[in-house]
Protein backbone atom coordinates (compact mmCIF):
# COMPACT_ATOMS: atom_id res chain seq x y z
CA UNK A 1 -23.15 -6.43 -7.31
CA UNK A 2 -21.39 -9.18 -5.48
CA UNK A 3 -17.31 -8.56 -4.89
CA UNK A 4 -15.66 -10.03 -7.47
CA UNK A 5 -13.36 -13.32 -5.48
CA UNK A 6 -9.96 -12.83 -4.54
CA UNK A 7 -6.90 -13.26 -7.30
CA UNK A 8 -3.68 -13.70 -5.89
CA UNK A 9 -0.53 -12.58 -8.49
CA UNK A 10 2.44 -14.90 -9.25
CA UNK A 11 5.45 -14.43 -6.93
CA UNK A 12 8.40 -12.84 -8.86
CA UNK A 13 11.55 -14.53 -9.58
CA UNK A 14 15.25 -13.28 -10.86
CA UNK A 15 15.28 -12.34 -14.55
CA UNK A 16 11.68 -11.51 -14.17
CA UNK A 17 10.74 -7.29 -16.16
CA UNK A 18 9.15 -5.52 -14.05
CA UNK A 19 7.18 -2.40 -15.24
CA UNK A 20 7.52 1.04 -14.19
CA UNK A 21 5.04 3.49 -14.46
CA UNK A 22 4.19 7.16 -13.18
CA UNK A 23 0.22 7.07 -12.39
CA UNK A 24 0.44 10.01 -10.08
CA UNK A 25 3.37 12.56 -9.38
CA UNK A 26 6.71 13.04 -10.83
CA UNK A 27 9.88 12.93 -9.61
CA UNK A 28 11.32 15.65 -8.43
CA UNK A 29 14.50 15.09 -10.09
CA UNK A 30 15.04 13.10 -13.08
CA UNK A 31 17.65 10.95 -12.14
CA UNK A 32 14.92 9.44 -9.74
CA UNK A 33 13.88 7.40 -12.38
CA UNK A 34 17.47 6.44 -13.29
CA UNK A 35 18.13 5.18 -10.12
CA UNK A 36 15.33 3.43 -10.17
CA UNK A 37 16.44 0.93 -13.01
CA UNK A 38 19.40 1.02 -11.34
CA UNK A 39 18.94 -0.34 -8.20
CA UNK A 40 15.79 -2.87 -9.98
CA UNK A 41 19.13 -4.65 -12.68
CA UNK A 42 21.12 -4.83 -9.77
CA UNK A 43 18.32 -7.22 -7.88
CA UNK A 44 18.32 -9.24 -11.22
CA UNK A 45 15.40 -8.08 -12.99
CA UNK A 46 15.19 -6.19 -16.44
CA UNK A 47 12.96 -3.28 -16.33
CA UNK A 48 10.53 -1.89 -18.77
CA UNK A 49 9.33 1.03 -18.84
CA UNK A 50 5.72 2.74 -19.65
CA UNK A 51 5.95 4.74 -22.20
CA UNK A 52 5.24 7.96 -20.44
CA UNK A 53 7.47 7.25 -17.59
CA UNK A 54 9.33 10.39 -17.99
CA UNK A 55 6.24 12.53 -18.86
CA UNK A 56 5.45 16.02 -17.00
CA UNK A 57 2.39 17.81 -16.97
CA UNK A 58 2.88 20.30 -13.98
CA UNK A 59 1.93 18.81 -10.55
CA UNK A 60 1.32 15.27 -12.20
CA UNK A 61 3.18 12.86 -14.33
CA UNK A 62 1.98 13.19 -17.54
CA UNK A 63 -2.02 13.47 -18.59
CA UNK A 64 -4.32 11.47 -16.69
CA UNK A 65 -5.36 9.77 -20.41
CA UNK A 66 -1.22 9.29 -20.95
CA UNK A 67 -0.70 7.65 -17.33
CA UNK A 68 -3.63 5.43 -17.34
CA UNK A 69 -2.37 4.15 -20.25
CA UNK A 70 1.52 3.13 -19.19
CA UNK A 71 -0.25 1.06 -16.85
CA UNK A 72 -3.41 -0.68 -18.37
CA UNK A 73 -0.78 -0.68 -20.97
CA UNK A 74 1.90 -2.59 -18.71
CA UNK A 75 -0.98 -4.88 -17.03
CA UNK A 76 -1.77 -6.16 -20.60
CA UNK A 77 2.08 -6.80 -21.70
CA UNK A 78 2.76 -10.49 -20.69
CA UNK A 79 6.38 -9.87 -20.84
CA UNK A 80 5.91 -7.56 -17.53
CA UNK A 81 5.14 -9.65 -14.35
CA UNK A 82 5.41 -7.21 -11.96
CA UNK A 83 4.52 -3.82 -11.73
CA UNK A 84 5.83 -0.85 -10.03
CA UNK A 85 4.72 3.04 -8.86
CA UNK A 86 7.81 5.07 -9.38
CA UNK A 87 6.41 7.93 -6.75
CA UNK A 88 2.73 9.00 -4.65
CA UNK A 89 2.54 12.36 -4.76
CA UNK A 90 -0.84 12.93 -5.84
CA UNK A 91 -2.58 11.97 -9.37
CA UNK A 92 -3.24 8.04 -9.07
CA UNK A 93 -7.17 8.97 -7.67
CA UNK A 94 -7.94 11.13 -11.28
CA UNK A 95 -7.04 8.16 -13.60
CA UNK A 96 -9.55 5.39 -11.36
CA UNK A 97 -11.98 6.05 -14.18
CA UNK A 98 -9.58 5.50 -17.39
CA UNK A 99 -8.55 2.23 -15.96
CA UNK A 100 -9.60 -0.89 -18.05
CA UNK A 101 -10.41 -3.27 -15.23
CA UNK A 102 -11.16 -6.25 -17.25
CA UNK A 103 -7.62 -6.34 -18.80
CA UNK A 104 -5.95 -5.89 -14.34
CA UNK A 105 -8.19 -9.20 -13.98
CA UNK A 106 -7.52 -11.03 -16.87
CA UNK A 107 -3.79 -10.12 -15.81
CA UNK A 108 -2.91 -10.50 -12.43
CA UNK A 109 0.54 -9.10 -11.36
CA UNK A 110 2.25 -7.47 -8.42
CA UNK A 111 1.13 -4.30 -8.50
CA UNK A 112 3.81 -2.31 -6.08
CA UNK A 113 3.24 1.72 -4.33
CA UNK A 114 2.16 3.18 -1.50
CA UNK A 115 0.76 6.60 -0.34
CA UNK A 116 -1.16 8.03 -3.37
CA UNK A 117 -0.84 4.86 -5.03
CA UNK A 118 -3.41 3.60 -2.25
CA UNK A 119 -6.30 4.37 -4.22
CA UNK A 120 -5.06 2.89 -7.25
CA UNK A 121 -4.98 -0.13 -5.29
CA UNK A 122 -8.57 -0.24 -2.98
CA UNK A 123 -10.01 0.56 -6.48
CA UNK A 124 -8.60 -2.27 -8.01
CA UNK A 125 -9.23 -5.06 -5.35
CA UNK A 126 -12.73 -3.86 -5.31
CA UNK A 127 -13.14 -3.88 -9.04
CA UNK A 128 -10.86 -6.77 -9.80
CA UNK A 129 -9.67 -8.67 -6.55
CA UNK A 130 -6.42 -8.12 -7.13
CA UNK A 131 -4.26 -8.05 -4.10
CA UNK A 132 -2.03 -5.06 -4.83
CA UNK A 133 0.79 -4.91 -1.84
CA UNK A 134 1.64 -1.32 -0.23
CA UNK A 135 5.12 -1.34 0.32
CA UNK A 136 8.10 0.86 -1.08
CA UNK A 137 7.36 2.70 -4.81
CA UNK A 138 9.87 2.06 -7.49
CA UNK A 139 12.32 5.46 -5.81
CA UNK A 140 12.56 3.91 -2.82
CA UNK A 141 12.28 -0.07 -3.26
CA UNK A 142 15.08 -2.62 -3.13
CA UNK A 143 17.32 -0.08 -1.10
CA UNK A 144 19.17 -1.51 1.46
CA UNK A 145 16.37 -1.27 4.67
CA UNK A 146 13.68 -3.03 2.47
CA UNK A 147 15.45 -5.94 0.14
CA UNK A 148 14.29 -8.36 3.15
CA UNK A 149 10.78 -6.81 2.74
CA UNK A 150 10.87 -7.05 -0.67
CA UNK A 151 12.10 -10.13 -1.67
CA UNK A 152 9.99 -11.71 1.51
CA UNK A 153 7.02 -10.33 -0.01
CA UNK A 154 6.93 -10.61 -3.78
CA UNK A 155 9.77 -13.08 -5.12
CA UNK A 156 10.02 -16.22 -4.83
CA UNK A 157 12.23 -18.15 -3.03
CA UNK A 158 11.97 -21.72 -3.78
CA UNK A 159 10.38 -21.75 -7.47
CA UNK A 160 6.92 -21.95 -6.50
CA UNK A 161 5.84 -18.63 -8.46
CA UNK A 162 2.17 -19.48 -6.85
CA UNK A 163 2.26 -18.59 -3.19
CA UNK A 164 2.64 -14.97 -2.15
CA UNK A 165 0.82 -15.59 0.31
CA UNK A 166 1.90 -18.13 3.43
CA UNK A 167 -0.44 -19.09 5.36
CA UNK A 168 1.07 -17.67 9.08
CA UNK A 169 3.49 -16.06 7.58
CA UNK A 170 4.71 -12.89 9.83
CA UNK A 171 3.87 -9.23 8.36
CA UNK A 172 5.37 -7.69 11.78
CA UNK A 173 5.94 -8.84 14.81
CA UNK A 174 7.54 -6.82 18.72
CA UNK A 175 10.58 -8.49 17.69
CA UNK A 176 10.64 -7.52 14.13
CA UNK A 177 9.52 -3.95 13.27
CA UNK A 178 12.07 -2.00 11.05
CA UNK A 179 13.52 0.71 13.62
CA UNK A 180 9.93 1.43 14.48
CA UNK A 181 8.34 1.55 17.86
CA UNK A 182 5.09 -0.83 18.03
CA UNK A 183 2.62 -0.48 20.94
CA UNK A 184 -0.11 -2.28 21.97
CA UNK A 185 -2.99 0.45 22.39
CA UNK A 186 -5.86 -2.07 23.04
CA UNK A 187 -5.50 -5.75 23.72
CA UNK A 188 -7.19 -8.20 21.88
CA UNK A 189 -7.76 -10.29 18.51
CA UNK A 190 -8.65 -9.94 15.25
CA UNK A 191 -8.83 -11.77 12.31
CA UNK A 192 -10.35 -10.03 8.88
CA UNK A 193 -9.40 -8.87 5.11
CA UNK A 194 -6.25 -6.06 5.14
CA UNK A 195 -6.97 -2.55 4.34
CA UNK A 196 -5.88 0.62 4.37
CA UNK A 197 -2.83 2.47 2.96
CA UNK A 198 -2.79 6.46 3.03
CA UNK A 199 -5.33 7.98 5.62
CA UNK A 200 -5.48 11.17 3.15
CA UNK A 201 -6.69 8.91 -0.38
CA UNK A 202 -8.42 6.96 1.72
CA UNK A 203 -11.00 9.28 2.06
CA UNK A 204 -10.80 10.79 -0.97
CA UNK A 205 -12.29 6.99 -2.16
CA UNK A 206 -16.00 6.78 0.29
CA UNK A 207 -19.06 7.31 -1.17
CA UNK A 208 -17.68 6.32 -4.60
CA UNK A 209 -17.67 3.01 -6.91
CA UNK A 210 -14.02 2.17 -5.72
CA UNK A 211 -14.52 2.55 -2.04
CA UNK A 212 -14.36 -1.27 -0.16
CA UNK A 213 -16.37 -3.06 2.31
CA UNK A 214 -15.04 -2.76 5.33
CA UNK A 215 -17.44 -4.61 7.89
CA UNK A 216 -14.94 -6.56 9.94
CA UNK A 217 -11.56 -5.71 8.01
CA UNK A 218 -8.08 -5.27 9.33
CA UNK A 219 -7.58 -0.95 8.82
CA UNK A 220 -3.92 -0.19 8.49
CA UNK A 221 -3.43 3.22 8.54
CA UNK A 222 -0.43 5.92 7.47
CA UNK A 223 0.46 9.29 6.91
CA UNK A 224 3.07 12.31 6.85
CA UNK A 225 3.31 15.60 7.31
CA UNK A 226 -0.08 16.41 8.51
CA UNK A 227 -0.75 18.07 11.50
CA UNK A 228 -2.81 16.47 14.52
CA UNK A 229 -6.17 18.30 14.00
CA UNK A 230 -6.12 16.86 10.51
CA UNK A 231 -5.61 13.72 12.03
CA UNK A 232 -8.59 14.20 13.89
CA UNK A 233 -10.83 15.86 11.36
CA UNK A 234 -10.01 11.73 9.32
CA UNK A 235 -10.85 9.61 11.99
CA UNK A 236 -14.12 12.16 12.38
CA UNK A 237 -14.75 12.03 8.80
CA UNK A 238 -15.10 7.58 8.79
CA UNK A 239 -16.60 7.74 11.94
CA UNK A 240 -19.04 9.76 10.39
CA UNK A 241 -19.05 7.43 7.32
CA UNK A 242 -19.79 4.39 10.04
CA UNK A 243 -16.13 2.44 9.01
CA UNK A 244 -14.79 2.30 12.59
CA UNK A 245 -17.90 1.13 13.70
CA UNK A 246 -17.60 -2.03 11.24
CA UNK A 247 -14.13 -2.89 11.59
CA UNK A 248 -12.73 -5.46 13.54
CA UNK A 249 -8.73 -4.51 14.23
CA UNK A 250 -7.20 -1.43 14.32
CA UNK A 251 -3.37 -1.26 12.57
CA UNK A 252 -2.07 2.49 13.25
CA UNK A 253 1.39 2.86 10.81
CA UNK A 254 3.75 5.76 10.94
CA UNK A 255 1.87 9.56 11.16
CA UNK A 256 4.97 11.47 10.43
CA UNK A 257 5.23 15.36 11.10
CA UNK A 258 8.64 17.36 11.43
CA UNK A 259 7.89 18.88 14.72
CA UNK A 260 8.27 17.47 17.80
CA UNK A 261 5.45 19.19 19.69
CA UNK A 262 3.19 17.83 16.69
CA UNK A 263 4.18 14.92 16.96
CA UNK A 264 3.22 14.08 20.60
CA UNK A 265 -0.19 15.80 19.19
CA UNK A 266 -0.43 13.22 16.63
CA UNK A 267 1.06 10.22 19.43
CA UNK A 268 -2.10 11.62 21.23
CA UNK A 269 -4.73 11.71 18.83
CA UNK A 270 -3.45 8.32 17.89
CA UNK A 271 -3.89 6.79 21.27
CA UNK A 272 -7.43 8.56 21.41
CA UNK A 273 -8.77 7.68 18.94
CA UNK A 274 -7.57 3.81 19.26
CA UNK A 275 -8.97 4.34 22.58
CA UNK A 276 -12.56 5.16 21.71
CA UNK A 277 -13.32 2.72 18.63
CA UNK A 278 -11.60 0.23 21.13
CA UNK A 279 -10.89 -2.67 17.92
CA UNK A 280 -7.43 -4.35 18.97
CA UNK A 281 -5.12 -2.20 18.05
CA UNK A 282 -1.36 -1.80 17.90
CA UNK A 283 -0.10 1.99 16.68
CA UNK A 284 3.71 2.94 15.51
CA UNK A 285 3.90 -0.91 13.35
CA UNK A 286 6.49 -0.56 10.02
CA UNK A 287 4.35 1.49 7.80
CA UNK A 288 4.28 4.17 6.04
CA UNK A 289 6.60 6.61 4.98
CA UNK A 290 9.70 5.42 6.36
CA UNK A 291 13.07 3.31 4.53
CA UNK A 292 12.48 -0.10 6.49
CA UNK A 293 8.41 -0.20 5.96
CA UNK A 294 7.50 -3.17 5.17
CA UNK A 295 5.10 -4.58 2.42
CA UNK A 296 1.23 -5.63 3.08
CA UNK A 297 -0.96 -7.90 0.51
CA UNK A 298 -3.40 -4.89 0.67
CA UNK A 299 -7.04 -7.11 0.63
CA UNK A 300 -5.75 -10.82 2.12
CA UNK A 301 -6.90 -12.55 4.91
CA UNK A 302 -4.82 -11.36 8.41
CA UNK A 303 -4.93 -11.71 11.51
CA UNK A 304 -4.29 -9.22 14.73
CA UNK A 305 -2.49 -10.37 18.15
CA UNK A 306 -3.06 -6.37 19.08
CA UNK A 307 -1.48 -7.82 22.76
CA UNK A 308 1.37 -9.29 21.60
CA UNK A 309 1.82 -7.06 18.73
CA UNK A 310 2.03 -9.40 16.00
CA UNK A 311 0.24 -9.08 12.17
CA UNK A 312 0.69 -11.62 10.47
CA UNK A 313 -1.55 -13.74 7.08
CA UNK A 314 -4.42 -15.94 8.29
């Protein structure tokens, strides 16, 4: 089967209704949901919670059927103009067979999240062609550190909802990385489709019907709390699966760990792996588990100038 044509959802506008769903884990505290709703309403949005948003089933935010039902219903609802995942954690990969991809493709709208939501975003891209947005979940969106990123990528500034991804729009540059420390690892330029997200969750899709075509892609990766040997193992998995020999560029985001010695080992691992892959690469990009992360349109065409430290839409 040929890949579906790419669909860009419309931009959001002040006054729109935002749907909130929890496709993975529940929040640590129930008030996190109320805080998220308050931030959205402060920004001028209406909020429509999923029917099962406040459910809890152990480490999952409700049963697989309930979590999938919320996603399907919010995509089908014409009142809802965009959907934010509440948080990551674990579980979105479990509902991939239960999503109604026909409904999603027929009702394209921004779907925003990161971490565990990597699995859902790539599956939606593969099955429908819809560009989704790797960025702050509802539990952290529209906070002071990322308001600008949310508005830049998701909202219209001139009333034109039809241009969610503007050609040549800069996603990050060396001068504007929201507190991250960008580093050129391998110089050069690459143009390709932006694919990636959380490394652990991406690997869960390999050898499934939900894995994208990585040929000539600009692969962006991030993770949190993983030790260096596990990061090494994930790169080894990607290499053995033939993925790393296919990509055209590599963007390494934040790979954070609380142990400084482990953080040094992780940095060494990323440097070694990137040099071995040999494609244009930057590390320390403002992508991942930190407040100032940018929003990356998953599936959009982009250009990476690793020497200059610039990633922009193509």
